[in-house]
Amino acid sequence: QVQLVESGGGLVQPGESLRLSCAASGFPFRNYAMSWYRQRPGQERESVAVIASSGGYTNYAGSVKGRFTISRDNTKNSVYLQMNSLKSEDAAVYYCYVRLPTDLGPRDFWGQGTQVAVSS
């Protein structure tokens, strides 16, 4: 079955960095775009970054552009989010996401999330 397992969250001070990882299994990882989403307290889940299957295309939310970098390693079935210059407003639960085709139509798959806290 499809599994997405995030890791790398934690507590950092403003201006510091974190690298999130997502290990994927149960589907042909190299064939699908992958995304990172986040959900801040009291807010809707929002897209942070997306990367194409080959890694040749990426896109970012305006609030993280220039600070966050999404990447993937198709040999390790993993996607990463390098987060630099973290701000208090980046504190959230971060989720790995993929949309896959099924017999019943496209289906969204999410990881369990990893908590990022930013506080001095």
PDB file of N, CA and C in Angstrom:
ATOM      1  N   GLN A   1       0.827  -1.177   0.000  1.00  0.00           N
ATOM      2  CA  GLN A   1       0.000   0.000   0.000  1.00  0.00           C
ATOM      3  C   GLN A   1       0.878   1.251   0.000  1.00  0.00           C
ATOM      4  N   VAL A   2       0.278   2.340  -0.385  1.00  0.00           N
ATOM      5  CA  VAL A   2       1.017   3.600  -0.454  1.00  0.00           C
ATOM      6  C   VAL A   2       1.335   4.082   0.956  1.00  0.00           C
ATOM      7  N   GLN A   3       2.591   4.439   1.152  1.00  0.00           N
ATOM      8  CA  GLN A   3       3.008   4.997   2.430  1.00  0.00           C
ATOM      9  C   GLN A   3       3.915   6.197   2.180  1.00  0.00           C
ATOM     10  N   LEU A   4       3.661   7.245   2.939  1.00  0.00           N
ATOM     11  CA  LEU A   4       4.510   8.439   2.944  1.00  0.00           C
ATOM     12  C   LEU A   4       4.881   8.695   4.394  1.00  0.00           C
ATOM     13  N   VAL A   5       6.168   8.711   4.689  1.00  0.00           N
ATOM     14  CA  VAL A   5       6.624   8.850   6.067  1.00  0.00           C
ATOM     15  C   VAL A   5       7.576  10.036   6.151  1.00  0.00           C
ATOM     16  N   GLU A   6       7.107  11.066   6.841  1.00  0.00           N
ATOM     17  CA  GLU A   6       7.921  12.279   7.001  1.00  0.00           C
ATOM     18  C   GLU A   6       8.806  12.175   8.226  1.00  0.00           C
ATOM     19  N   SER A   7       9.903  12.911   8.186  1.00  0.00           N
ATOM     20  CA  SER A   7      10.792  13.013   9.334  1.00  0.00           C
ATOM     21  C   SER A   7      11.568  14.317   9.222  1.00  0.00           C
ATOM     22  N   GLY A   8      12.209  14.700  10.315  1.00  0.00           N
ATOM     23  CA  GLY A   8      13.084  15.859  10.290  1.00  0.00           C
ATOM     24  C   GLY A   8      12.552  17.101  10.973  1.00  0.00           C
ATOM     25  N   GLY A   9      11.314  17.056  11.428  1.00  0.00           N
ATOM     26  CA  GLY A   9      10.774  18.211  12.123  1.00  0.00           C
ATOM     27  C   GLY A   9      11.436  18.409  13.479  1.00  0.00           C
ATOM     28  N   GLY A  10      11.134  19.549  14.084  1.00  0.00           N
ATOM     29  CA  GLY A  10      11.699  19.828  15.392  1.00  0.00           C
ATOM     30  C   GLY A  10      11.509  21.279  15.782  1.00  0.00           C
ATOM     31  N   LEU A  11      12.175  21.664  16.839  1.00  0.00           N
ATOM     32  CA  LEU A  11      12.111  23.036  17.350  1.00  0.00           C
ATOM     33  C   LEU A  11      13.408  23.758  16.996  1.00  0.00           C
ATOM     34  N   VAL A  12      13.275  24.891  16.335  1.00  0.00           N
ATOM     35  CA  VAL A  12      14.436  25.703  15.991  1.00  0.00           C
ATOM     36  C   VAL A  12      14.148  27.154  16.335  1.00  0.00           C
ATOM     37  N   GLN A  13      15.197  27.938  16.342  1.00  0.00           N
ATOM     38  CA  GLN A  13      15.057  29.371  16.565  1.00  0.00           C
ATOM     39  C   GLN A  13      14.882  30.083  15.220  1.00  0.00           C
ATOM     40  N   PRO A  14      14.288  31.256  15.241  1.00  0.00           N
ATOM     41  CA  PRO A  14      14.170  32.026  13.991  1.00  0.00           C
ATOM     42  C   PRO A  14      15.534  32.211  13.331  1.00  0.00           C
ATOM     43  N   GLY A  15      15.548  32.063  12.025  1.00  0.00           N
ATOM     44  CA  GLY A  15      16.783  32.189  11.262  1.00  0.00           C
ATOM     45  C   GLY A  15      17.522  30.890  11.043  1.00  0.00           C
ATOM     46  N   GLU A  16      17.163  29.862  11.774  1.00  0.00           N
ATOM     47  CA  GLU A  16      17.827  28.569  11.626  1.00  0.00           C
ATOM     48  C   GLU A  16      17.216  27.760  10.487  1.00  0.00           C
ATOM     49  N   SER A  17      17.775  26.566  10.285  1.00  0.00           N
ATOM     50  CA  SER A  17      17.374  25.721   9.167  1.00  0.00           C
ATOM     51  C   SER A  17      16.922  24.350   9.649  1.00  0.00           C
ATOM     52  N   LEU A  18      16.111  23.713   8.824  1.00  0.00           N
ATOM     53  CA  LEU A  18      15.699  22.324   9.022  1.00  0.00           C
ATOM     54  C   LEU A  18      15.587  21.674   7.655  1.00  0.00           C
ATOM     55  N   ARG A  19      15.801  20.366   7.621  1.00  0.00           N
ATOM     56  CA  ARG A  19      15.599  19.601   6.394  1.00  0.00           C
ATOM     57  C   ARG A  19      14.605  18.491   6.682  1.00  0.00           C
ATOM     58  N   LEU A  20      13.483  18.546   5.995  1.00  0.00           N
ATOM     59  CA  LEU A  20      12.469  17.512   6.120  1.00  0.00           C
ATOM     60  C   LEU A  20      12.689  16.453   5.049  1.00  0.00           C
ATOM     61  N   SER A  21      12.367  15.229   5.408  1.00  0.00           N
ATOM     62  CA  SER A  21      12.454  14.116   4.468  1.00  0.00           C
ATOM     63  C   SER A  21      11.117  13.391   4.418  1.00  0.00           C
ATOM     64  N   CYS A  22      10.836  12.818   3.268  1.00  0.00           N
ATOM     65  CA  CYS A  22       9.640  11.996   3.105  1.00  0.00           C
ATOM     66  C   CYS A  22      10.044  10.740   2.344  1.00  0.00           C
ATOM     67  N   ALA A  23       9.889   9.606   2.987  1.00  0.00           N
ATOM     68  CA  ALA A  23      10.185   8.324   2.358  1.00  0.00           C
ATOM     69  C   ALA A  23       8.886   7.733   1.821  1.00  0.00           C
ATOM     70  N   ALA A  24       8.873   7.435   0.529  1.00  0.00           N
ATOM     71  CA  ALA A  24       7.670   6.946  -0.131  1.00  0.00           C
ATOM     72  C   ALA A  24       7.813   5.470  -0.485  1.00  0.00           C
ATOM     73  N   SER A  25       6.689   4.782  -0.478  1.00  0.00           N
ATOM     74  CA  SER A  25       6.687   3.381  -0.886  1.00  0.00           C
ATOM     75  C   SER A  25       5.310   3.003  -1.372  1.00  0.00           C
ATOM     76  N   GLY A  26       5.250   1.896  -2.112  1.00  0.00           N
ATOM     77  CA  GLY A  26       3.966   1.368  -2.550  1.00  0.00           C
ATOM     78  C   GLY A  26       3.482   1.871  -3.889  1.00  0.00           C
ATOM     79  N   PHE A  27       4.283   2.672  -4.563  1.00  0.00           N
ATOM     80  CA  PHE A  27       3.920   3.164  -5.900  1.00  0.00           C
ATOM     81  C   PHE A  27       5.213   3.520  -6.638  1.00  0.00           C
ATOM     82  N   PRO A  28       5.153   3.624  -7.972  1.00  0.00           N
ATOM     83  CA  PRO A  28       6.369   3.949  -8.747  1.00  0.00           C
ATOM     84  C   PRO A  28       6.747   5.409  -8.573  1.00  0.00           C
ATOM     85  N   PHE A  29       7.493   5.684  -7.537  1.00  0.00           N
ATOM     86  CA  PHE A  29       7.798   7.043  -7.091  1.00  0.00           C
ATOM     87  C   PHE A  29       8.295   7.932  -8.219  1.00  0.00           C
ATOM     88  N   ARG A  30       9.172   7.395  -9.061  1.00  0.00           N
ATOM     89  CA  ARG A  30       9.813   8.230 -10.072  1.00  0.00           C
ATOM     90  C   ARG A  30       8.852   8.762 -11.122  1.00  0.00           C
ATOM     91  N   ASN A  31       7.646   8.258 -11.133  1.00  0.00           N
ATOM     92  CA  ASN A  31       6.672   8.644 -12.159  1.00  0.00           C
ATOM     93  C   ASN A  31       5.768   9.795 -11.755  1.00  0.00           C
ATOM     94  N   TYR A  32       5.850  10.251 -10.501  1.00  0.00           N
ATOM     95  CA  TYR A  32       4.846  11.182  -9.991  1.00  0.00           C
ATOM     96  C   TYR A  32       5.444  12.421  -9.346  1.00  0.00           C
ATOM     97  N   ALA A  33       4.758  13.534  -9.596  1.00  0.00           N
ATOM     98  CA  ALA A  33       5.096  14.756  -8.883  1.00  0.00           C
ATOM     99  C   ALA A  33       4.819  14.563  -7.397  1.00  0.00           C
ATOM    100  N   MET A  34       5.607  15.240  -6.592  1.00  0.00           N
ATOM    101  CA  MET A  34       5.457  15.182  -5.144  1.00  0.00           C
ATOM    102  C   MET A  34       5.346  16.596  -4.598  1.00  0.00           C
ATOM    103  N   SER A  35       4.659  16.722  -3.482  1.00  0.00           N
ATOM    104  CA  SER A  35       4.464  18.046  -2.892  1.00  0.00           C
ATOM    105  C   SER A  35       4.676  18.007  -1.393  1.00  0.00           C
ATOM    106  N   TRP A  36       4.961  19.186  -0.874  1.00  0.00           N
ATOM    107  CA  TRP A  36       4.927  19.433   0.565  1.00  0.00           C
ATOM    108  C   TRP A  36       3.808  20.438   0.831  1.00  0.00           C
ATOM    109  N   TYR A  37       3.007  20.134   1.845  1.00  0.00           N
ATOM    110  CA  TYR A  37       1.982  21.031   2.337  1.00  0.00           C
ATOM    111  C   TYR A  37       2.281  21.318   3.805  1.00  0.00           C
ATOM    112  N   ARG A  38       1.623  22.343   4.316  1.00  0.00           N
ATOM    113  CA  ARG A  38       1.714  22.609   5.750  1.00  0.00           C
ATOM    114  C   ARG A  38       0.370  23.106   6.268  1.00  0.00           C
ATOM    115  N   GLN A  39       0.175  22.883   7.537  1.00  0.00           N
ATOM    116  CA  GLN A  39      -1.036  23.376   8.193  1.00  0.00           C
ATOM    117  C   GLN A  39      -0.630  24.083   9.465  1.00  0.00           C
ATOM    118  N   ARG A  40      -0.839  25.376   9.454  1.00  0.00           N
ATOM    119  CA  ARG A  40      -0.544  26.181  10.636  1.00  0.00           C
ATOM    120  C   ARG A  40      -1.742  26.149  11.563  1.00  0.00           C
ATOM    121  N   PRO A  41      -1.541  26.377  12.855  1.00  0.00           N
ATOM    122  CA  PRO A  41      -2.642  26.307  13.824  1.00  0.00           C
ATOM    123  C   PRO A  41      -3.809  27.204  13.420  1.00  0.00           C
ATOM    124  N   GLY A  42      -4.991  26.618  13.369  1.00  0.00           N
ATOM    125  CA  GLY A  42      -6.185  27.378  13.067  1.00  0.00           C
ATOM    126  C   GLY A  42      -6.360  27.742  11.612  1.00  0.00           C
ATOM    127  N   GLN A  43      -5.495  27.191  10.747  1.00  0.00           N
ATOM    128  CA  GLN A  43      -5.579  27.552   9.338  1.00  0.00           C
ATOM    129  C   GLN A  43      -5.771  26.318   8.457  1.00  0.00           C
ATOM    130  N   GLU A  44      -6.144  26.570   7.218  1.00  0.00           N
ATOM    131  CA  GLU A  44      -6.309  25.493   6.251  1.00  0.00           C
ATOM    132  C   GLU A  44      -4.928  24.967   5.833  1.00  0.00           C
ATOM    133  N   ARG A  45      -4.914  23.728   5.398  1.00  0.00           N
ATOM    134  CA  ARG A  45      -3.687  23.161   4.852  1.00  0.00           C
ATOM    135  C   ARG A  45      -3.357  23.889   3.554  1.00  0.00           C
ATOM    136  N   GLU A  46      -2.083  24.230   3.364  1.00  0.00           N
ATOM    137  CA  GLU A  46      -1.682  24.994   2.188  1.00  0.00           C
ATOM    138  C   GLU A  46      -0.480  24.355   1.507  1.00  0.00           C
ATOM    139  N   SER A  47      -0.417  24.536   0.201  1.00  0.00           N
ATOM    140  CA  SER A  47       0.707  24.024  -0.562  1.00  0.00           C
ATOM    141  C   SER A  47       1.948  24.864  -0.293  1.00  0.00           C
ATOM    142  N   VAL A  48       3.071  24.184  -0.098  1.00  0.00           N
ATOM    143  CA  VAL A  48       4.339  24.860   0.142  1.00  0.00           C
ATOM    144  C   VAL A  48       5.234  24.768  -1.087  1.00  0.00           C
ATOM    145  N   ALA A  49       5.369  23.550  -1.619  1.00  0.00           N
ATOM    146  CA  ALA A  49       6.270  23.351  -2.748  1.00  0.00           C
ATOM    147  C   ALA A  49       5.878  22.088  -3.492  1.00  0.00           C
ATOM    148  N   VAL A  50       6.163  22.062  -4.783  1.00  0.00           N
ATOM    149  CA  VAL A  50       5.897  20.897  -5.616  1.00  0.00           C
ATOM    150  C   VAL A  50       7.103  20.653  -6.509  1.00  0.00           C
ATOM    151  N   ILE A  51       7.346  19.382  -6.800  1.00  0.00           N
ATOM    152  CA  ILE A  51       8.455  19.017  -7.675  1.00  0.00           C
ATOM    153  C   ILE A  51       7.953  17.982  -8.675  1.00  0.00           C
ATOM    154  N   ALA A  52       8.324  18.162  -9.936  1.00  0.00           N
ATOM    155  CA  ALA A  52       7.916  17.228 -10.974  1.00  0.00           C
ATOM    156  C   ALA A  52       8.605  15.877 -10.793  1.00  0.00           C
ATOM    157  N   SER A  53       8.104  14.893 -11.513  1.00  0.00           N
ATOM    158  CA  SER A  53       8.608  13.527 -11.341  1.00  0.00           C
ATOM    159  C   SER A  53      10.110  13.419 -11.598  1.00  0.00           C
ATOM    160  N   SER A  54      10.586  14.172 -12.578  1.00  0.00           N
ATOM    161  CA  SER A  54      12.010  14.125 -12.917  1.00  0.00           C
ATOM    162  C   SER A  54      12.852  15.050 -12.054  1.00  0.00           C
ATOM    163  N   GLY A  55      12.176  15.927 -11.339  1.00  0.00           N
ATOM    164  CA  GLY A  55      12.889  16.938 -10.561  1.00  0.00           C
ATOM    165  C   GLY A  55      13.224  18.185 -11.357  1.00  0.00           C
ATOM    166  N   GLY A  56      12.838  18.201 -12.625  1.00  0.00           N
ATOM    167  CA  GLY A  56      13.213  19.312 -13.487  1.00  0.00           C
ATOM    168  C   GLY A  56      12.366  20.554 -13.339  1.00  0.00           C
ATOM    169  N   TYR A  57      11.272  20.429 -12.624  1.00  0.00           N
ATOM    170  CA  TYR A  57      10.384  21.582 -12.397  1.00  0.00           C
ATOM    171  C   TYR A  57      10.016  21.644 -10.938  1.00  0.00           C
ATOM    172  N   THR A  58      10.101  22.841 -10.375  1.00  0.00           N
ATOM    173  CA  THR A  58       9.668  23.068  -9.001  1.00  0.00           C
ATOM    174  C   THR A  58       8.855  24.353  -8.938  1.00  0.00           C
ATOM    175  N   ASN A  59       8.008  24.433  -7.935  1.00  0.00           N
ATOM    176  CA  ASN A  59       7.232  25.650  -7.720  1.00  0.00           C
ATOM    177  C   ASN A  59       7.004  25.817  -6.229  1.00  0.00           C
ATOM    178  N   TYR A  60       6.928  27.071  -5.796  1.00  0.00           N
ATOM    179  CA  TYR A  60       6.864  27.366  -4.375  1.00  0.00           C
ATOM    180  C   TYR A  60       5.766  28.373  -4.067  1.00  0.00           C
ATOM    181  N   ALA A  61       5.246  28.280  -2.865  1.00  0.00           N
ATOM    182  CA  ALA A  61       4.378  29.338  -2.354  1.00  0.00           C
ATOM    183  C   ALA A  61       5.206  30.608  -2.212  1.00  0.00           C
ATOM    184  N   GLY A  62       4.551  31.729  -2.442  1.00  0.00           N
ATOM    185  CA  GLY A  62       5.264  32.991  -2.378  1.00  0.00           C
ATOM    186  C   GLY A  62       5.922  33.241  -1.033  1.00  0.00           C
ATOM    187  N   SER A  63       5.298  32.746   0.020  1.00  0.00           N
ATOM    188  CA  SER A  63       5.798  33.006   1.371  1.00  0.00           C
ATOM    189  C   SER A  63       7.100  32.274   1.688  1.00  0.00           C
ATOM    190  N   VAL A  64       7.449  31.270   0.889  1.00  0.00           N
ATOM    191  CA  VAL A  64       8.664  30.492   1.166  1.00  0.00           C
ATOM    192  C   VAL A  64       9.692  30.594   0.049  1.00  0.00           C
ATOM    193  N   LYS A  65       9.309  31.213  -1.054  1.00  0.00           N
ATOM    194  CA  LYS A  65      10.209  31.290  -2.213  1.00  0.00           C
ATOM    195  C   LYS A  65      11.509  31.989  -1.816  1.00  0.00           C
ATOM    196  N   GLY A  66      12.617  31.385  -2.203  1.00  0.00           N
ATOM    197  CA  GLY A  66      13.925  31.933  -1.852  1.00  0.00           C
ATOM    198  C   GLY A  66      14.479  31.431  -0.541  1.00  0.00           C
ATOM    199  N   ARG A  67      13.641  30.814   0.267  1.00  0.00           N
ATOM    200  CA  ARG A  67      14.089  30.274   1.560  1.00  0.00           C
ATOM    201  C   ARG A  67      14.014  28.752   1.617  1.00  0.00           C
ATOM    202  N   PHE A  68      13.038  28.173   0.941  1.00  0.00           N
ATOM    203  CA  PHE A  68      12.835  26.730   0.949  1.00  0.00           C
ATOM    204  C   PHE A  68      13.245  26.141  -0.402  1.00  0.00           C
ATOM    205  N   THR A  69      13.747  24.923  -0.365  1.00  0.00           N
ATOM    206  CA  THR A  69      14.102  24.206  -1.589  1.00  0.00           C
ATOM    207  C   THR A  69      13.580  22.784  -1.514  1.00  0.00           C
ATOM    208  N   ILE A  70      12.788  22.407  -2.502  1.00  0.00           N
ATOM    209  CA  ILE A  70      12.303  21.036  -2.593  1.00  0.00           C
ATOM    210  C   ILE A  70      13.222  20.274  -3.544  1.00  0.00           C
ATOM    211  N   SER A  71      13.492  19.027  -3.202  1.00  0.00           N
ATOM    212  CA  SER A  71      14.317  18.180  -4.060  1.00  0.00           C
ATOM    213  C   SER A  71      13.860  16.742  -3.899  1.00  0.00           C
ATOM    214  N   ARG A  72      14.356  15.872  -4.766  1.00  0.00           N
ATOM    215  CA  ARG A  72      13.991  14.466  -4.676  1.00  0.00           C
ATOM    216  C   ARG A  72      15.147  13.605  -5.118  1.00  0.00           C
ATOM    217  N   ASP A  73      15.140  12.388  -4.626  1.00  0.00           N
ATOM    218  CA  ASP A  73      16.109  11.379  -5.042  1.00  0.00           C
ATOM    219  C   ASP A  73      15.313  10.155  -5.460  1.00  0.00           C
ATOM    220  N   ASN A  74      15.177   9.967  -6.748  1.00  0.00           N
ATOM    221  CA  ASN A  74      14.356   8.869  -7.252  1.00  0.00           C
ATOM    222  C   ASN A  74      15.010   7.505  -7.014  1.00  0.00           C
ATOM    223  N   THR A  75      16.289   7.486  -6.683  1.00  0.00           N
ATOM    224  CA  THR A  75      16.934   6.212  -6.353  1.00  0.00           C
ATOM    225  C   THR A  75      16.621   5.788  -4.920  1.00  0.00           C
ATOM    226  N   LYS A  76      16.185   6.762  -4.117  1.00  0.00           N
ATOM    227  CA  LYS A  76      15.863   6.473  -2.713  1.00  0.00           C
ATOM    228  C   LYS A  76      14.377   6.626  -2.424  1.00  0.00           C
ATOM    229  N   ASN A  77      13.578   6.895  -3.465  1.00  0.00           N
ATOM    230  CA  ASN A  77      12.135   7.094  -3.279  1.00  0.00           C
ATOM    231  C   ASN A  77      11.862   8.119  -2.182  1.00  0.00           C
ATOM    232  N   SER A  78      12.572   9.219  -2.249  1.00  0.00           N
ATOM    233  CA  SER A  78      12.463  10.222  -1.195  1.00  0.00           C
ATOM    234  C   SER A  78      12.374  11.629  -1.769  1.00  0.00           C
ATOM    235  N   VAL A  79      11.646  12.461  -1.051  1.00  0.00           N
ATOM    236  CA  VAL A  79      11.545  13.876  -1.378  1.00  0.00           C
ATOM    237  C   VAL A  79      11.925  14.660  -0.125  1.00  0.00           C
ATOM    238  N   TYR A  80      12.537  15.826  -0.355  1.00  0.00           N
ATOM    239  CA  TYR A  80      13.082  16.592   0.747  1.00  0.00           C
ATOM    240  C   TYR A  80      12.597  18.037   0.683  1.00  0.00           C
ATOM    241  N   LEU A  81      12.621  18.689   1.829  1.00  0.00           N
ATOM    242  CA  LEU A  81      12.332  20.118   1.888  1.00  0.00           C
ATOM    243  C   LEU A  81      13.387  20.760   2.777  1.00  0.00           C
ATOM    244  N   GLN A  82      14.298  21.493   2.151  1.00  0.00           N
ATOM    245  CA  GLN A  82      15.296  22.254   2.881  1.00  0.00           C
ATOM    246  C   GLN A  82      14.703  23.609   3.223  1.00  0.00           C
ATOM    247  N   MET A  83      14.635  23.902   4.501  1.00  0.00           N
ATOM    248  CA  MET A  83      14.009  25.134   4.966  1.00  0.00           C
ATOM    249  C   MET A  83      15.069  25.988   5.644  1.00  0.00           C
ATOM    250  N   ASN A  84      15.369  27.122   5.055  1.00  0.00           N
ATOM    251  CA  ASN A  84      16.356  28.049   5.607  1.00  0.00           C
ATOM    252  C   ASN A  84      15.682  29.325   6.086  1.00  0.00           C
ATOM    253  N   SER A  85      16.398  30.065   6.902  1.00  0.00           N
ATOM    254  CA  SER A  85      15.894  31.352   7.405  1.00  0.00           C
ATOM    255  C   SER A  85      14.472  31.218   7.934  1.00  0.00           C
ATOM    256  N   LEU A  86      14.267  30.234   8.772  1.00  0.00           N
ATOM    257  CA  LEU A  86      12.912  29.957   9.274  1.00  0.00           C
ATOM    258  C   LEU A  86      12.382  31.124  10.088  1.00  0.00           C
ATOM    259  N   LYS A  87      11.083  31.345   9.940  1.00  0.00           N
ATOM    260  CA  LYS A  87      10.383  32.409  10.640  1.00  0.00           C
ATOM    261  C   LYS A  87       9.329  31.790  11.549  1.00  0.00           C
ATOM    262  N   SER A  88       8.847  32.572  12.479  1.00  0.00           N
ATOM    263  CA  SER A  88       7.825  32.068  13.396  1.00  0.00           C
ATOM    264  C   SER A  88       6.583  31.625  12.621  1.00  0.00           C
ATOM    265  N   GLU A  89       6.304  32.308  11.526  1.00  0.00           N
ATOM    266  CA  GLU A  89       5.105  31.961  10.751  1.00  0.00           C
ATOM    267  C   GLU A  89       5.269  30.681   9.932  1.00  0.00           C
ATOM    268  N   ASP A  90       6.470  30.103   9.931  1.00  0.00           N
ATOM    269  CA  ASP A  90       6.664  28.811   9.277  1.00  0.00           C
ATOM    270  C   ASP A  90       6.296  27.644  10.190  1.00  0.00           C
ATOM    271  N   ALA A  91       6.038  27.926  11.445  1.00  0.00           N
ATOM    272  CA  ALA A  91       5.666  26.869  12.385  1.00  0.00           C
ATOM    273  C   ALA A  91       4.361  26.220  11.946  1.00  0.00           C
ATOM    274  N   ALA A  92       4.394  24.907  11.791  1.00  0.00           N
ATOM    275  CA  ALA A  92       3.238  24.188  11.256  1.00  0.00           C
ATOM    276  C   ALA A  92       3.534  22.697  11.304  1.00  0.00           C
ATOM    277  N   VAL A  93       2.510  21.927  10.975  1.00  0.00           N
ATOM    278  CA  VAL A  93       2.724  20.518  10.673  1.00  0.00           C
ATOM    279  C   VAL A  93       2.921  20.421   9.165  1.00  0.00           C
ATOM    280  N   TYR A  94       3.992  19.785   8.766  1.00  0.00           N
ATOM    281  CA  TYR A  94       4.344  19.660   7.353  1.00  0.00           C
ATOM    282  C   TYR A  94       4.015  18.247   6.874  1.00  0.00           C
ATOM    283  N   TYR A  95       3.352  18.197   5.709  1.00  0.00           N
ATOM    284  CA  TYR A  95       2.882  16.930   5.161  1.00  0.00           C
ATOM    285  C   TYR A  95       3.473  16.692   3.772  1.00  0.00           C
ATOM    286  N   CYS A  96       3.786  15.470   3.517  1.00  0.00           N
ATOM    287  CA  CYS A  96       4.173  14.991   2.191  1.00  0.00           C
ATOM    288  C   CYS A  96       2.895  14.550   1.474  1.00  0.00           C
ATOM    289  N   TYR A  97       2.822  14.777   0.166  1.00  0.00           N
ATOM    290  CA  TYR A  97       1.573  14.530  -0.572  1.00  0.00           C
ATOM    291  C   TYR A  97       1.862  14.027  -1.973  1.00  0.00           C
ATOM    292  N   VAL A  98       1.021  13.106  -2.411  1.00  0.00           N
ATOM    293  CA  VAL A  98       1.049  12.656  -3.803  1.00  0.00           C
ATOM    294  C   VAL A  98      -0.370  12.330  -4.241  1.00  0.00           C
ATOM    295  N   ARG A  99      -0.663  12.623  -5.469  1.00  0.00           N
ATOM    296  CA  ARG A  99      -1.951  12.228  -6.075  1.00  0.00           C
ATOM    297  C   ARG A  99      -1.662  11.117  -7.076  1.00  0.00           C
ATOM    298  N   LEU A 100      -2.380  10.018  -6.907  1.00  0.00           N
ATOM    299  CA  LEU A 100      -2.157   8.844  -7.749  1.00  0.00           C
ATOM    300  C   LEU A 100      -3.448   8.414  -8.436  1.00  0.00           C
ATOM    301  N   PRO A 101      -3.318   7.858  -9.638  1.00  0.00           N
ATOM    302  CA  PRO A 101      -4.495   7.323 -10.316  1.00  0.00           C
ATOM    303  C   PRO A 101      -4.895   5.978  -9.699  1.00  0.00           C
ATOM    304  N   THR A 102      -6.175   5.757  -9.563  1.00  0.00           N
ATOM    305  CA  THR A 102      -6.681   4.469  -9.111  1.00  0.00           C
ATOM    306  C   THR A 102      -7.826   4.063 -10.030  1.00  0.00           C
ATOM    307  N   ASP A 103      -8.322   2.865  -9.850  1.00  0.00           N
ATOM    308  CA  ASP A 103      -9.452   2.402 -10.661  1.00  0.00           C
ATOM    309  C   ASP A 103     -10.687   3.267 -10.461  1.00  0.00           C
ATOM    310  N   LEU A 104     -10.740   3.952  -9.316  1.00  0.00           N
ATOM    311  CA  LEU A 104     -11.914   4.781  -9.006  1.00  0.00           C
ATOM    312  C   LEU A 104     -11.630   6.259  -9.266  1.00  0.00           C
ATOM    313  N   GLY A 105     -10.515   6.547  -9.905  1.00  0.00           N
ATOM    314  CA  GLY A 105     -10.163   7.925 -10.176  1.00  0.00           C
ATOM    315  C   GLY A 105      -8.984   8.376  -9.328  1.00  0.00           C
ATOM    316  N   PRO A 106      -8.553   9.617  -9.490  1.00  0.00           N
ATOM    317  CA  PRO A 106      -7.400  10.111  -8.733  1.00  0.00           C
ATOM    318  C   PRO A 106      -7.656  10.094  -7.238  1.00  0.00           C
ATOM    319  N   ARG A 107      -6.620   9.744  -6.497  1.00  0.00           N
ATOM    320  CA  ARG A 107      -6.742   9.688  -5.043  1.00  0.00           C
ATOM    321  C   ARG A 107      -5.549  10.401  -4.424  1.00  0.00           C
ATOM    322  N   ASP A 108      -5.839  11.155  -3.377  1.00  0.00           N
ATOM    323  CA  ASP A 108      -4.795  11.896  -2.669  1.00  0.00           C
ATOM    324  C   ASP A 108      -4.267  11.057  -1.507  1.00  0.00           C
ATOM    325  N   PHE A 109      -2.937  11.060  -1.377  1.00  0.00           N
ATOM    326  CA  PHE A 109      -2.291  10.350  -0.279  1.00  0.00           C
ATOM    327  C   PHE A 109      -1.428  11.340   0.522  1.00  0.00           C
ATOM    328  N   TRP A 110      -1.528  11.211   1.842  1.00  0.00           N
ATOM    329  CA  TRP A 110      -0.812  12.101   2.751  1.00  0.00           C
ATOM    330  C   TRP A 110       0.019  11.293   3.729  1.00  0.00           C
ATOM    331  N   GLY A 111       1.129  11.872   4.140  1.00  0.00           N
ATOM    332  CA  GLY A 111       1.862  11.315   5.254  1.00  0.00           C
ATOM    333  C   GLY A 111       1.201  11.714   6.568  1.00  0.00           C
ATOM    334  N   GLN A 112       1.823  11.283   7.656  1.00  0.00           N
ATOM    335  CA  GLN A 112       1.254  11.560   8.976  1.00  0.00           C
ATOM    336  C   GLN A 112       1.620  12.953   9.466  1.00  0.00           C
ATOM    337  N   GLY A 113       2.575  13.574   8.821  1.00  0.00           N
ATOM    338  CA  GLY A 113       2.982  14.923   9.181  1.00  0.00           C
ATOM    339  C   GLY A 113       4.154  14.942  10.140  1.00  0.00           C
ATOM    340  N   THR A 114       4.910  16.024  10.066  1.00  0.00           N
ATOM    341  CA  THR A 114       6.003  16.248  10.999  1.00  0.00           C
ATOM    342  C   THR A 114       5.935  17.692  11.484  1.00  0.00           C
ATOM    343  N   GLN A 115       6.063  17.868  12.788  1.00  0.00           N
ATOM    344  CA  GLN A 115       5.866  19.171  13.404  1.00  0.00           C
ATOM    345  C   GLN A 115       7.130  20.022  13.307  1.00  0.00           C
ATOM    346  N   VAL A 116       6.951  21.248  12.873  1.00  0.00           N
ATOM    347  CA  VAL A 116       8.033  22.229  12.861  1.00  0.00           C
ATOM    348  C   VAL A 116       7.627  23.373  13.780  1.00  0.00           C
ATOM    349  N   ALA A 117       8.446  23.649  14.764  1.00  0.00           N
ATOM    350  CA  ALA A 117       8.207  24.751  15.692  1.00  0.00           C
ATOM    351  C   ALA A 117       9.360  25.740  15.574  1.00  0.00           C
ATOM    352  N   VAL A 118       9.008  27.016  15.530  1.00  0.00           N
ATOM    353  CA  VAL A 118      10.024  28.070  15.399  1.00  0.00           C
ATOM    354  C   VAL A 118       9.790  29.068  16.521  1.00  0.00           C
ATOM    355  N   SER A 119      10.729  29.110  17.437  1.00  0.00           N
ATOM    356  CA  SER A 119      10.534  29.972  18.595  1.00  0.00           C
ATOM    357  C   SER A 119      11.883  30.333  19.201  1.00  0.00           C
ATOM    358  N   SER A 120      11.956  31.556  19.681  1.00  0.00           N
ATOM    359  CA  SER A 120      13.176  31.979  20.364  1.00  0.00           C
ATOM    360  C   SER A 120      13.043  31.743  21.871  1.00  0.00           C
TER     361      SER A 120
END
